[in-house]
Protein backbone atom coordinates (compact mmCIF):
# COMPACT_ATOMS: atom_id res chain seq x y z
CA UNK A 1 0.00 0.00 0.00
CA UNK A 2 2.99 2.30 0.55
CA UNK A 3 4.18 1.81 -3.04
CA UNK A 4 0.60 2.38 -4.27
CA UNK A 5 0.40 5.62 -2.26
CA UNK A 6 3.66 6.90 -3.75
CA UNK A 7 2.56 5.99 -7.28
CA UNK A 8 -0.75 7.81 -6.86
CA UNK A 9 0.81 10.88 -5.21
CA UNK A 10 3.51 11.27 -7.85
CA UNK A 11 0.97 10.86 -10.69
CA UNK A 12 -1.85 13.01 -9.31
CA UNK A 13 -0.11 15.67 -7.21
CA UNK A 14 3.40 15.65 -8.68
CA UNK A 15 4.95 14.68 -5.35
CA UNK A 16 8.75 14.54 -5.32
CA UNK A 17 10.06 11.48 -3.43
CA UNK A 18 13.65 11.27 -2.20
CA UNK A 19 15.10 8.13 -0.64
CA UNK A 20 18.43 7.97 1.14
CA UNK A 21 20.42 4.73 1.07
CA UNK A 22 18.06 1.77 0.56
CA UNK A 23 15.69 2.34 3.44
CA UNK A 24 12.04 1.17 3.30
CA UNK A 25 12.27 -0.62 -0.09
CA UNK A 26 15.58 -2.50 0.12
CA UNK A 27 14.92 -4.80 -2.86
CA UNK A 28 13.16 -2.35 -5.15
CA UNK A 29 13.88 0.73 -7.20
CA UNK A 30 11.15 2.89 -8.69
CA UNK A 31 11.10 5.44 -11.49
CA UNK A 32 9.22 7.90 -9.32
CA UNK A 33 11.82 7.83 -6.52
CA UNK A 34 14.95 9.97 -6.61
CA UNK A 35 17.66 7.79 -5.12
CA UNK A 36 20.11 9.43 -2.71
CA UNK A 37 23.20 8.12 -1.00
CA UNK A 38 24.18 8.42 2.63
CA UNK A 39 23.18 11.92 3.85
CA UNK A 40 26.01 14.23 4.94
CA UNK A 41 25.96 15.94 8.30
CA UNK A 42 25.37 19.69 8.03
CA UNK A 43 28.00 22.06 9.31
CA UNK A 44 27.24 22.70 12.96
CA UNK A 45 29.06 24.95 15.42
CA UNK A 46 29.15 23.09 18.72
ModelCIF file with pLDDT and N, C-alpha, C, O atoms, coordinates in Angstrom:
data_MODEL
#
_entry.id   MODEL 
#
_entity.id                         1 
_entity.type                       polymer 
_entity.pdbx_number_of_molecules   1 
#
_entity_poly.entity_id                      1 
_entity_poly.type                           'polypeptide(L)' 
_entity_poly.nstd_linkage                   no 
_entity_poly.nstd_monomer                   no 
_entity_poly.pdbx_seq_one_letter_code       
;(UNK)(UNK)(UNK)(UNK)(UNK)(UNK)(UNK)(UNK)(UNK)(UNK)(UNK)(UNK)(UNK)(UNK)(UNK)(UNK)
(UNK)(UNK)(UNK)(UNK)(UNK)(UNK)(UNK)(UNK)(UNK)(UNK)(UNK)(UNK)(UNK)(UNK)(UNK)(UNK)
(UNK)(UNK)(UNK)(UNK)(UNK)(UNK)(UNK)(UNK)(UNK)(UNK)(UNK)(UNK)(UNK)(UNK)
;
_entity_poly.pdbx_seq_one_letter_code_can   XXXXXXXXXXXXXXXXXXXXXXXXXXXXXXXXXXXXXXXXXXXXXX 
_entity_poly.pdbx_strand_id                 A 
#
loop_
_entity_poly_seq.entity_id 
_entity_poly_seq.num 
_entity_poly_seq.mon_id 
_entity_poly_seq.hetero 
1 1  UNK n 
1 2  UNK n 
1 3  UNK n 
1 4  UNK n 
1 5  UNK n 
1 6  UNK n 
1 7  UNK n 
1 8  UNK n 
1 9  UNK n 
1 10 UNK n 
1 11 UNK n 
1 12 UNK n 
1 13 UNK n 
1 14 UNK n 
1 15 UNK n 
1 16 UNK n 
1 17 UNK n 
1 18 UNK n 
1 19 UNK n 
1 20 UNK n 
1 21 UNK n 
1 22 UNK n 
1 23 UNK n 
1 24 UNK n 
1 25 UNK n 
1 26 UNK n 
1 27 UNK n 
1 28 UNK n 
1 29 UNK n 
1 30 UNK n 
1 31 UNK n 
1 32 UNK n 
1 33 UNK n 
1 34 UNK n 
1 35 UNK n 
1 36 UNK n 
1 37 UNK n 
1 38 UNK n 
1 39 UNK n 
1 40 UNK n 
1 41 UNK n 
1 42 UNK n 
1 43 UNK n 
1 44 UNK n 
1 45 UNK n 
1 46 UNK n 
#
_struct_asym.id          A 
_struct_asym.entity_id   1 
#
loop_
_ma_qa_metric.id 
_ma_qa_metric.mode 
_ma_qa_metric.name 
_ma_qa_metric.software_group_id 
_ma_qa_metric.type 
1 global pLDDT . pLDDT 
2 local  pLDDT . pLDDT 
#
_ma_qa_metric_global.metric_id      1 
_ma_qa_metric_global.metric_value   93.98 
_ma_qa_metric_global.model_id       1 
_ma_qa_metric_global.ordinal_id     1 
#
loop_
_ma_qa_metric_local.label_asym_id 
_ma_qa_metric_local.label_comp_id 
_ma_qa_metric_local.label_seq_id 
_ma_qa_metric_local.metric_id 
_ma_qa_metric_local.metric_value 
_ma_qa_metric_local.model_id 
_ma_qa_metric_local.ordinal_id 
A UNK 1  2 97.00 1 1  
A UNK 2  2 97.00 1 2  
A UNK 3  2 96.00 1 3  
A UNK 4  2 97.00 1 4  
A UNK 5  2 98.00 1 5  
A UNK 6  2 97.00 1 6  
A UNK 7  2 97.00 1 7  
A UNK 8  2 98.00 1 8  
A UNK 9  2 98.00 1 9  
A UNK 10 2 97.00 1 10 
A UNK 11 2 97.00 1 11 
A UNK 12 2 97.00 1 12 
A UNK 13 2 96.00 1 13 
A UNK 14 2 96.00 1 14 
A UNK 15 2 97.00 1 15 
A UNK 16 2 98.00 1 16 
A UNK 17 2 97.00 1 17 
A UNK 18 2 97.00 1 18 
A UNK 19 2 96.00 1 19 
A UNK 20 2 96.00 1 20 
A UNK 21 2 95.00 1 21 
A UNK 22 2 93.00 1 22 
A UNK 23 2 95.00 1 23 
A UNK 24 2 95.00 1 24 
A UNK 25 2 92.00 1 25 
A UNK 26 2 84.00 1 26 
A UNK 27 2 81.00 1 27 
A UNK 28 2 79.00 1 28 
A UNK 29 2 81.00 1 29 
A UNK 30 2 88.00 1 30 
A UNK 31 2 88.00 1 31 
A UNK 32 2 89.00 1 32 
A UNK 33 2 93.00 1 33 
A UNK 34 2 94.00 1 34 
A UNK 35 2 94.00 1 35 
A UNK 36 2 93.00 1 36 
A UNK 37 2 93.00 1 37 
A UNK 38 2 95.00 1 38 
A UNK 39 2 96.00 1 39 
A UNK 40 2 95.00 1 40 
A UNK 41 2 95.00 1 41 
A UNK 42 2 95.00 1 42 
A UNK 43 2 95.00 1 43 
A UNK 44 2 95.00 1 44 
A UNK 45 2 95.00 1 45 
A UNK 46 2 96.00 1 46 
#
loop_
_atom_site.group_PDB 
_atom_site.id 
_atom_site.type_symbol 
_atom_site.label_atom_id 
_atom_site.label_alt_id 
_atom_site.label_comp_id 
_atom_site.label_asym_id 
_atom_site.label_entity_id 
_atom_site.label_seq_id 
_atom_site.pdbx_PDB_ins_code 
_atom_site.Cartn_x 
_atom_site.Cartn_y 
_atom_site.Cartn_z 
_atom_site.occupancy 
_atom_site.B_iso_or_equiv 
_atom_site.pdbx_formal_charge 
_atom_site.auth_seq_id 
_atom_site.auth_comp_id 
_atom_site.auth_asym_id 
_atom_site.auth_atom_id 
_atom_site.pdbx_PDB_model_num 
ATOM 1   N N  . UNK A 1 1  ? 0.832  -1.203 0.000   1.00 97.00 ? 1  UNK A N  1 
ATOM 2   C CA . UNK A 1 1  ? 0.000  0.000  0.000   1.00 97.00 ? 1  UNK A CA 1 
ATOM 3   C C  . UNK A 1 1  ? 0.865  1.251  0.000   1.00 97.00 ? 1  UNK A C  1 
ATOM 4   O O  . UNK A 1 1  ? 0.438  2.295  -0.493  1.00 97.00 ? 1  UNK A O  1 
ATOM 5   N N  . UNK A 1 2  ? 2.078  1.162  0.546   1.00 97.00 ? 2  UNK A N  1 
ATOM 6   C CA . UNK A 1 2  ? 2.989  2.303  0.553   1.00 97.00 ? 2  UNK A CA 1 
ATOM 7   C C  . UNK A 1 2  ? 3.447  2.628  -0.871  1.00 97.00 ? 2  UNK A C  1 
ATOM 8   O O  . UNK A 1 2  ? 3.496  3.795  -1.258  1.00 97.00 ? 2  UNK A O  1 
ATOM 9   N N  . UNK A 1 3  ? 3.780  1.599  -1.646  1.00 96.00 ? 3  UNK A N  1 
ATOM 10  C CA . UNK A 1 3  ? 4.178  1.812  -3.043  1.00 96.00 ? 3  UNK A CA 1 
ATOM 11  C C  . UNK A 1 3  ? 3.004  2.397  -3.829  1.00 96.00 ? 3  UNK A C  1 
ATOM 12  O O  . UNK A 1 3  ? 3.187  3.316  -4.627  1.00 96.00 ? 3  UNK A O  1 
ATOM 13  N N  . UNK A 1 4  ? 1.798  1.865  -3.604  1.00 97.00 ? 4  UNK A N  1 
ATOM 14  C CA . UNK A 1 4  ? 0.605  2.383  -4.265  1.00 97.00 ? 4  UNK A CA 1 
ATOM 15  C C  . UNK A 1 4  ? 0.407  3.860  -3.935  1.00 97.00 ? 4  UNK A C  1 
ATOM 16  O O  . UNK A 1 4  ? 0.104  4.658  -4.822  1.00 97.00 ? 4  UNK A O  1 
ATOM 17  N N  . UNK A 1 5  ? 0.576  4.225  -2.675  1.00 98.00 ? 5  UNK A N  1 
ATOM 18  C CA . UNK A 1 5  ? 0.397  5.620  -2.261  1.00 98.00 ? 5  UNK A CA 1 
ATOM 19  C C  . UNK A 1 5  ? 1.397  6.528  -2.962  1.00 98.00 ? 5  UNK A C  1 
ATOM 20  O O  . UNK A 1 5  ? 1.040  7.623  -3.396  1.00 98.00 ? 5  UNK A O  1 
ATOM 21  N N  . UNK A 1 6  ? 2.642  6.087  -3.076  1.00 97.00 ? 6  UNK A N  1 
ATOM 22  C CA . UNK A 1 6  ? 3.657  6.898  -3.750  1.00 97.00 ? 6  UNK A CA 1 
ATOM 23  C C  . UNK A 1 6  ? 3.352  7.023  -5.244  1.00 97.00 ? 6  UNK A C  1 
ATOM 24  O O  . UNK A 1 6  ? 3.522  8.092  -5.830  1.00 97.00 ? 6  UNK A O  1 
ATOM 25  N N  . UNK A 1 7  ? 2.905  5.935  -5.849  1.00 97.00 ? 7  UNK A N  1 
ATOM 26  C CA . UNK A 1 7  ? 2.556  5.985  -7.277  1.00 97.00 ? 7  UNK A CA 1 
ATOM 27  C C  . UNK A 1 7  ? 1.418  6.974  -7.527  1.00 97.00 ? 7  UNK A C  1 
ATOM 28  O O  . UNK A 1 7  ? 1.476  7.775  -8.460  1.00 97.00 ? 7  UNK A O  1 
ATOM 29  N N  . UNK A 1 8  ? 0.398  6.913  -6.696  1.00 98.00 ? 8  UNK A N  1 
ATOM 30  C CA . UNK A 1 8  ? -0.748 7.811  -6.861  1.00 98.00 ? 8  UNK A CA 1 
ATOM 31  C C  . UNK A 1 8  ? -0.328 9.258  -6.631  1.00 98.00 ? 8  UNK A C  1 
ATOM 32  O O  . UNK A 1 8  ? -0.676 10.139 -7.417  1.00 98.00 ? 8  UNK A O  1 
ATOM 33  N N  . UNK A 1 9  ? 0.422  9.507  -5.552  1.00 98.00 ? 9  UNK A N  1 
ATOM 34  C CA . UNK A 1 9  ? 0.811  10.880 -5.214  1.00 98.00 ? 9  UNK A CA 1 
ATOM 35  C C  . UNK A 1 9  ? 1.697  11.500 -6.293  1.00 98.00 ? 9  UNK A C  1 
ATOM 36  O O  . UNK A 1 9  ? 1.530  12.668 -6.643  1.00 98.00 ? 9  UNK A O  1 
ATOM 37  N N  . UNK A 1 10 ? 2.636  10.719 -6.817  1.00 97.00 ? 10 UNK A N  1 
ATOM 38  C CA . UNK A 1 10 ? 3.512  11.271 -7.855  1.00 97.00 ? 10 UNK A CA 1 
ATOM 39  C C  . UNK A 1 10 ? 2.758  11.525 -9.153  1.00 97.00 ? 10 UNK A C  1 
ATOM 40  O O  . UNK A 1 10 ? 3.069  12.473 -9.875  1.00 97.00 ? 10 UNK A O  1 
ATOM 41  N N  . UNK A 1 11 ? 1.752  10.672 -9.461  1.00 97.00 ? 11 UNK A N  1 
ATOM 42  C CA . UNK A 1 11 ? 0.970  10.860 -10.686 1.00 97.00 ? 11 UNK A CA 1 
ATOM 43  C C  . UNK A 1 11 ? -0.027 12.004 -10.563 1.00 97.00 ? 11 UNK A C  1 
ATOM 44  O O  . UNK A 1 11 ? -0.153 12.821 -11.475 1.00 97.00 ? 11 UNK A O  1 
ATOM 45  N N  . UNK A 1 12 ? -0.733 12.064 -9.440  1.00 97.00 ? 12 UNK A N  1 
ATOM 46  C CA . UNK A 1 12 ? -1.851 13.008 -9.313  1.00 97.00 ? 12 UNK A CA 1 
ATOM 47  C C  . UNK A 1 12 ? -1.403 14.368 -8.799  1.00 97.00 ? 12 UNK A C  1 
ATOM 48  O O  . UNK A 1 12 ? -1.874 15.397 -9.284  1.00 97.00 ? 12 UNK A O  1 
ATOM 49  N N  . UNK A 1 13 ? -0.496 14.388 -7.822  1.00 96.00 ? 13 UNK A N  1 
ATOM 50  C CA . UNK A 1 13 ? -0.114 15.667 -7.205  1.00 96.00 ? 13 UNK A CA 1 
ATOM 51  C C  . UNK A 1 13 ? 1.277  16.129 -7.618  1.00 96.00 ? 13 UNK A C  1 
ATOM 52  O O  . UNK A 1 13 ? 1.665  17.256 -7.307  1.00 96.00 ? 13 UNK A O  1 
ATOM 53  N N  . UNK A 1 14 ? 2.042  15.277 -8.318  1.00 96.00 ? 14 UNK A N  1 
ATOM 54  C CA . UNK A 1 14 ? 3.403  15.646 -8.684  1.00 96.00 ? 14 UNK A CA 1 
ATOM 55  C C  . UNK A 1 14 ? 4.375  15.595 -7.528  1.00 96.00 ? 14 UNK A C  1 
ATOM 56  O O  . UNK A 1 14 ? 5.392  16.288 -7.547  1.00 96.00 ? 14 UNK A O  1 
ATOM 57  N N  . UNK A 1 15 ? 4.083  14.787 -6.518  1.00 97.00 ? 15 UNK A N  1 
ATOM 58  C CA . UNK A 1 15 ? 4.948  14.682 -5.349  1.00 97.00 ? 15 UNK A CA 1 
ATOM 59  C C  . UNK A 1 15 ? 6.361  14.260 -5.740  1.00 97.00 ? 15 UNK A C  1 
ATOM 60  O O  . UNK A 1 15 ? 6.547  13.364 -6.563  1.00 97.00 ? 15 UNK A O  1 
ATOM 61  N N  . UNK A 1 16 ? 7.353  14.914 -5.141  1.00 98.00 ? 16 UNK A N  1 
ATOM 62  C CA . UNK A 1 16 ? 8.750  14.539 -5.316  1.00 98.00 ? 16 UNK A CA 1 
ATOM 63  C C  . UNK A 1 16 ? 9.148  13.637 -4.143  1.00 98.00 ? 16 UNK A C  1 
ATOM 64  O O  . UNK A 1 16 ? 8.975  14.005 -2.981  1.00 98.00 ? 16 UNK A O  1 
ATOM 65  N N  . UNK A 1 17 ? 9.682  12.455 -4.460  1.00 97.00 ? 17 UNK A N  1 
ATOM 66  C CA . UNK A 1 17 ? 10.056 11.484 -3.430  1.00 97.00 ? 17 UNK A CA 1 
ATOM 67  C C  . UNK A 1 17 ? 11.562 11.270 -3.469  1.00 97.00 ? 17 UNK A C  1 
ATOM 68  O O  . UNK A 1 17 ? 12.117 10.892 -4.501  1.00 97.00 ? 17 UNK A O  1 
ATOM 69  N N  . UNK A 1 18 ? 12.223 11.514 -2.335  1.00 97.00 ? 18 UNK A N  1 
ATOM 70  C CA . UNK A 1 18 ? 13.651 11.270 -2.197  1.00 97.00 ? 18 UNK A CA 1 
ATOM 71  C C  . UNK A 1 18 ? 13.860 10.128 -1.218  1.00 97.00 ? 18 UNK A C  1 
ATOM 72  O O  . UNK A 1 18 ? 13.207 10.058 -0.177  1.00 97.00 ? 18 UNK A O  1 
ATOM 73  N N  . UNK A 1 19 ? 14.782 9.232  -1.564  1.00 96.00 ? 19 UNK A N  1 
ATOM 74  C CA . UNK A 1 19 ? 15.102 8.130  -0.644  1.00 96.00 ? 19 UNK A CA 1 
ATOM 75  C C  . UNK A 1 19 ? 16.607 8.066  -0.460  1.00 96.00 ? 19 UNK A C  1 
ATOM 76  O O  . UNK A 1 19 ? 17.370 8.026  -1.425  1.00 96.00 ? 19 UNK A O  1 
ATOM 77  N N  . UNK A 1 20 ? 17.018 8.058  0.805   1.00 96.00 ? 20 UNK A N  1 
ATOM 78  C CA . UNK A 1 20 ? 18.432 7.965  1.136   1.00 96.00 ? 20 UNK A CA 1 
ATOM 79  C C  . UNK A 1 20 ? 18.791 6.515  1.460   1.00 96.00 ? 20 UNK A C  1 
ATOM 80  O O  . UNK A 1 20 ? 18.042 5.789  2.112   1.00 96.00 ? 20 UNK A O  1 
ATOM 81  N N  . UNK A 1 21 ? 19.992 6.124  0.966   1.00 95.00 ? 21 UNK A N  1 
ATOM 82  C CA . UNK A 1 21 ? 20.422 4.728  1.075   1.00 95.00 ? 21 UNK A CA 1 
ATOM 83  C C  . UNK A 1 21 ? 19.339 3.825  0.484   1.00 95.00 ? 21 UNK A C  1 
ATOM 84  O O  . UNK A 1 21 ? 18.747 4.177  -0.536  1.00 95.00 ? 21 UNK A O  1 
ATOM 85  N N  . UNK A 1 22 ? 19.067 2.688  1.089   1.00 93.00 ? 22 UNK A N  1 
ATOM 86  C CA . UNK A 1 22 ? 18.062 1.769  0.558   1.00 93.00 ? 22 UNK A CA 1 
ATOM 87  C C  . UNK A 1 22 ? 16.957 1.522  1.578   1.00 93.00 ? 22 UNK A C  1 
ATOM 88  O O  . UNK A 1 22 ? 16.354 0.449  1.608   1.00 93.00 ? 22 UNK A O  1 
ATOM 89  N N  . UNK A 1 23 ? 16.701 2.516  2.405   1.00 95.00 ? 23 UNK A N  1 
ATOM 90  C CA . UNK A 1 23 ? 15.687 2.340  3.441   1.00 95.00 ? 23 UNK A CA 1 
ATOM 91  C C  . UNK A 1 23 ? 14.298 2.134  2.837   1.00 95.00 ? 23 UNK A C  1 
ATOM 92  O O  . UNK A 1 23 ? 13.995 2.618  1.747   1.00 95.00 ? 23 UNK A O  1 
ATOM 93  N N  . UNK A 1 24 ? 13.464 1.400  3.579   1.00 95.00 ? 24 UNK A N  1 
ATOM 94  C CA . UNK A 1 24 ? 12.042 1.166  3.298   1.00 95.00 ? 24 UNK A CA 1 
ATOM 95  C C  . UNK A 1 24 ? 11.771 0.201  2.152   1.00 95.00 ? 24 UNK A C  1 
ATOM 96  O O  . UNK A 1 24 ? 10.896 -0.655 2.282   1.00 95.00 ? 24 UNK A O  1 
ATOM 97  N N  . UNK A 1 25 ? 12.484 0.306  1.039   1.00 92.00 ? 25 UNK A N  1 
ATOM 98  C CA . UNK A 1 25 ? 12.265 -0.615 -0.088  1.00 92.00 ? 25 UNK A CA 1 
ATOM 99  C C  . UNK A 1 25 ? 13.618 -1.214 -0.476  1.00 92.00 ? 25 UNK A C  1 
ATOM 100 O O  . UNK A 1 25 ? 14.134 -0.899 -1.549  1.00 92.00 ? 25 UNK A O  1 
ATOM 101 N N  . UNK A 1 26 ? 14.199 -2.058 0.355   1.00 84.00 ? 26 UNK A N  1 
ATOM 102 C CA . UNK A 1 26 ? 15.579 -2.501 0.119   1.00 84.00 ? 26 UNK A CA 1 
ATOM 103 C C  . UNK A 1 26 ? 15.779 -3.274 -1.175  1.00 84.00 ? 26 UNK A C  1 
ATOM 104 O O  . UNK A 1 26 ? 16.882 -3.265 -1.723  1.00 84.00 ? 26 UNK A O  1 
ATOM 105 N N  . UNK A 1 27 ? 14.748 -3.944 -1.681  1.00 81.00 ? 27 UNK A N  1 
ATOM 106 C CA . UNK A 1 27 ? 14.918 -4.802 -2.861  1.00 81.00 ? 27 UNK A CA 1 
ATOM 107 C C  . UNK A 1 27 ? 14.380 -4.147 -4.130  1.00 81.00 ? 27 UNK A C  1 
ATOM 108 O O  . UNK A 1 27 ? 14.449 -4.732 -5.210  1.00 81.00 ? 27 UNK A O  1 
ATOM 109 N N  . UNK A 1 28 ? 13.846 -2.934 -3.999  1.00 79.00 ? 28 UNK A N  1 
ATOM 110 C CA . UNK A 1 28 ? 13.158 -2.354 -5.153  1.00 79.00 ? 28 UNK A CA 1 
ATOM 111 C C  . UNK A 1 28 ? 13.670 -0.953 -5.470  1.00 79.00 ? 28 UNK A C  1 
ATOM 112 O O  . UNK A 1 28 ? 14.088 -0.205 -4.586  1.00 79.00 ? 28 UNK A O  1 
ATOM 113 N N  . UNK A 1 29 ? 13.625 -0.627 -6.738  1.00 81.00 ? 29 UNK A N  1 
ATOM 114 C CA . UNK A 1 29 ? 13.878 0.728  -7.197  1.00 81.00 ? 29 UNK A CA 1 
ATOM 115 C C  . UNK A 1 29 ? 12.721 1.148  -8.088  1.00 81.00 ? 29 UNK A C  1 
ATOM 116 O O  . UNK A 1 29 ? 12.197 0.345  -8.860  1.00 81.00 ? 29 UNK A O  1 
ATOM 117 N N  . UNK A 1 30 ? 12.324 2.413  -7.978  1.00 88.00 ? 30 UNK A N  1 
ATOM 118 C CA . UNK A 1 30 ? 11.151 2.889  -8.687  1.00 88.00 ? 30 UNK A CA 1 
ATOM 119 C C  . UNK A 1 30 ? 11.503 4.137  -9.489  1.00 88.00 ? 30 UNK A C  1 
ATOM 120 O O  . UNK A 1 30 ? 12.336 4.944  -9.078  1.00 88.00 ? 30 UNK A O  1 
ATOM 121 N N  . UNK A 1 31 ? 10.851 4.277  -10.637 1.00 88.00 ? 31 UNK A N  1 
ATOM 122 C CA . UNK A 1 31 ? 11.101 5.441  -11.488 1.00 88.00 ? 31 UNK A CA 1 
ATOM 123 C C  . UNK A 1 31 ? 10.705 6.736  -10.803 1.00 88.00 ? 31 UNK A C  1 
ATOM 124 O O  . UNK A 1 31 ? 11.302 7.781  -11.057 1.00 88.00 ? 31 UNK A O  1 
ATOM 125 N N  . UNK A 1 32 ? 9.714  6.678  -9.945  1.00 89.00 ? 32 UNK A N  1 
ATOM 126 C CA . UNK A 1 32 ? 9.217  7.897  -9.319  1.00 89.00 ? 32 UNK A CA 1 
ATOM 127 C C  . UNK A 1 32 ? 9.998  8.289  -8.055  1.00 89.00 ? 32 UNK A C  1 
ATOM 128 O O  . UNK A 1 32 ? 9.664  9.281  -7.408  1.00 89.00 ? 32 UNK A O  1 
ATOM 129 N N  . UNK A 1 33 ? 11.020 7.527  -7.708  1.00 93.00 ? 33 UNK A N  1 
ATOM 130 C CA . UNK A 1 33 ? 11.815 7.829  -6.519  1.00 93.00 ? 33 UNK A CA 1 
ATOM 131 C C  . UNK A 1 33 ? 13.192 8.328  -6.948  1.00 93.00 ? 33 UNK A C  1 
ATOM 132 O O  . UNK A 1 33 ? 13.862 7.704  -7.770  1.00 93.00 ? 33 UNK A O  1 
ATOM 133 N N  . UNK A 1 34 ? 13.601 9.453  -6.384  1.00 94.00 ? 34 UNK A N  1 
ATOM 134 C CA . UNK A 1 34 ? 14.946 9.973  -6.613  1.00 94.00 ? 34 UNK A CA 1 
ATOM 135 C C  . UNK A 1 34 ? 15.875 9.368  -5.567  1.00 94.00 ? 34 UNK A C  1 
ATOM 136 O O  . UNK A 1 34 ? 15.783 9.678  -4.379  1.00 94.00 ? 34 UNK A O  1 
ATOM 137 N N  . UNK A 1 35 ? 16.773 8.496  -6.033  1.00 94.00 ? 35 UNK A N  1 
ATOM 138 C CA . UNK A 1 35 ? 17.658 7.791  -5.120  1.00 94.00 ? 35 UNK A CA 1 
ATOM 139 C C  . UNK A 1 35 ? 18.796 8.691  -4.644  1.00 94.00 ? 35 UNK A C  1 
ATOM 140 O O  . UNK A 1 35 ? 19.438 9.384  -5.433  1.00 94.00 ? 35 UNK A O  1 
ATOM 141 N N  . UNK A 1 36 ? 19.028 8.660  -3.327  1.00 93.00 ? 36 UNK A N  1 
ATOM 142 C CA . UNK A 1 36 ? 20.105 9.435  -2.714  1.00 93.00 ? 36 UNK A CA 1 
ATOM 143 C C  . UNK A 1 36 ? 21.054 8.465  -2.017  1.00 93.00 ? 36 UNK A C  1 
ATOM 144 O O  . UNK A 1 36 ? 20.699 7.319  -1.742  1.00 93.00 ? 36 UNK A O  1 
ATOM 145 N N  . UNK A 1 37 ? 22.243 8.933  -1.740  1.00 93.00 ? 37 UNK A N  1 
ATOM 146 C CA . UNK A 1 37 ? 23.198 8.115  -1.002  1.00 93.00 ? 37 UNK A CA 1 
ATOM 147 C C  . UNK A 1 37 ? 23.063 8.327  0.491   1.00 93.00 ? 37 UNK A C  1 
ATOM 148 O O  . UNK A 1 37 ? 21.976 8.606  0.997   1.00 93.00 ? 37 UNK A O  1 
ATOM 149 N N  . UNK A 1 38 ? 24.177 8.192  1.191   1.00 95.00 ? 38 UNK A N  1 
ATOM 150 C CA . UNK A 1 38 ? 24.178 8.418  2.627   1.00 95.00 ? 38 UNK A CA 1 
ATOM 151 C C  . UNK A 1 38 ? 24.177 9.926  2.884   1.00 95.00 ? 38 UNK A C  1 
ATOM 152 O O  . UNK A 1 38 ? 25.064 10.613 2.380   1.00 95.00 ? 38 UNK A O  1 
ATOM 153 N N  . UNK A 1 39 ? 23.227 10.470 3.641   1.00 96.00 ? 39 UNK A N  1 
ATOM 154 C CA . UNK A 1 39 ? 23.183 11.918 3.849   1.00 96.00 ? 39 UNK A CA 1 
ATOM 155 C C  . UNK A 1 39 ? 24.430 12.406 4.600   1.00 96.00 ? 39 UNK A C  1 
ATOM 156 O O  . UNK A 1 39 ? 24.986 11.694 5.436   1.00 96.00 ? 39 UNK A O  1 
ATOM 157 N N  . UNK A 1 40 ? 24.853 13.632 4.282   1.00 95.00 ? 40 UNK A N  1 
ATOM 158 C CA . UNK A 1 40 ? 26.010 14.228 4.939   1.00 95.00 ? 40 UNK A CA 1 
ATOM 159 C C  . UNK A 1 40 ? 25.560 15.145 6.068   1.00 95.00 ? 40 UNK A C  1 
ATOM 160 O O  . UNK A 1 40 ? 24.587 15.888 5.938   1.00 95.00 ? 40 UNK A O  1 
ATOM 161 N N  . UNK A 1 41 ? 26.283 15.078 7.169   1.00 95.00 ? 41 UNK A N  1 
ATOM 162 C CA . UNK A 1 41 ? 25.962 15.936 8.302   1.00 95.00 ? 41 UNK A CA 1 
ATOM 163 C C  . UNK A 1 41 ? 26.128 17.402 7.909   1.00 95.00 ? 41 UNK A C  1 
ATOM 164 O O  . UNK A 1 41 ? 27.108 17.755 7.252   1.00 95.00 ? 41 UNK A O  1 
ATOM 165 N N  . UNK A 1 42 ? 25.190 18.256 8.299   1.00 95.00 ? 42 UNK A N  1 
ATOM 166 C CA . UNK A 1 42 ? 25.366 19.687 8.028   1.00 95.00 ? 42 UNK A CA 1 
ATOM 167 C C  . UNK A 1 42 ? 26.478 20.261 8.908   1.00 95.00 ? 42 UNK A C  1 
ATOM 168 O O  . UNK A 1 42 ? 26.849 19.676 9.926   1.00 95.00 ? 42 UNK A O  1 
ATOM 169 N N  . UNK A 1 43 ? 26.986 21.387 8.504   1.00 95.00 ? 43 UNK A N  1 
ATOM 170 C CA . UNK A 1 43 ? 27.998 22.056 9.312   1.00 95.00 ? 43 UNK A CA 1 
ATOM 171 C C  . UNK A 1 43 ? 27.335 22.656 10.545  1.00 95.00 ? 43 UNK A C  1 
ATOM 172 O O  . UNK A 1 43 ? 26.408 23.459 10.444  1.00 95.00 ? 43 UNK A O  1 
ATOM 173 N N  . UNK A 1 44 ? 27.822 22.256 11.693  1.00 95.00 ? 44 UNK A N  1 
ATOM 174 C CA . UNK A 1 44 ? 27.239 22.699 12.962  1.00 95.00 ? 44 UNK A CA 1 
ATOM 175 C C  . UNK A 1 44 ? 28.356 23.253 13.844  1.00 95.00 ? 44 UNK A C  1 
ATOM 176 O O  . UNK A 1 44 ? 29.426 22.653 13.948  1.00 95.00 ? 44 UNK A O  1 
ATOM 177 N N  . UNK A 1 45 ? 28.110 24.377 14.469  1.00 95.00 ? 45 UNK A N  1 
ATOM 178 C CA . UNK A 1 45 ? 29.061 24.951 15.422  1.00 95.00 ? 45 UNK A CA 1 
ATOM 179 C C  . UNK A 1 45 ? 28.647 24.495 16.821  1.00 95.00 ? 45 UNK A C  1 
ATOM 180 O O  . UNK A 1 45 ? 27.605 24.899 17.339  1.00 95.00 ? 45 UNK A O  1 
ATOM 181 N N  . UNK A 1 46 ? 29.479 23.650 17.418  1.00 96.00 ? 46 UNK A N  1 
ATOM 182 C CA . UNK A 1 46 ? 29.150 23.087 18.717  1.00 96.00 ? 46 UNK A CA 1 
ATOM 183 C C  . UNK A 1 46 ? 29.641 23.999 19.846  1.00 96.00 ? 46 UNK A C  1 
ATOM 184 O O  . UNK A 1 46 ? 29.451 23.684 21.020  1.00 96.00 ? 46 UNK A O  1 
#
